Amino acid sequence: MPQLNGIEVATQACRGNHKLKIVFLTMHADETYLVRALRAGAQAYLLKESAADDLLPAMNAVLAGKCFFSPAISNALLADPVQKMRDWKVTDSLDLLSRRELEVLQLLAEGHTNKEIATLLNVSVSTIDTHRLHIMQKLNLRHFADLVLYAFRKGILSNAG
């Protein structure tokens, strides 16, 4: 596309029509493009190399209100956390975290600042920063929003939050 790239087109198209269904067909297998496509409104992300096999299942999934990713993309997204779990012989990603990291995760997800958590746990702010970094690394999370979403999905947010 000479004027715009696919992500820009999807972003502009979704601004005008929130019911629009976007299926990306791309040669980019890396996470950066995938995240940008999803933020632009994509419900499916297909690699050109597997398009012949994946296009019809992707279209059916999107029309049914679901997401679809080429198997290579799905495998890449799951590979790191799954390998960590195998290496550490755990069955739940929460088991990757220490008791203190679980406590910090819950407090962060409830909206407490690092300073507030440090005060509550009687430790330094830099200790909380270190716990937060380790949590993000162990769970392969990139953004604070991912951390909160993870905590919600795992049901570790308290009812008071």
Foldseek 3Di string as FASTA:
>chain_A
DVPDDPLVVLQVVCVVPVVDEAAAEEQDLDPVVVVSNVVSPYQEYEYNVCCVPCVVVQVVQVVVVHGYYDPSSVCVVPVPLVVLCVVVVHDDLVVLADPVLLVLLQCVLVPDDLCRVCVVVVHDSVVSVVSVVSSCVSNVHDDSVSSNVVCVVVVPHDPVD
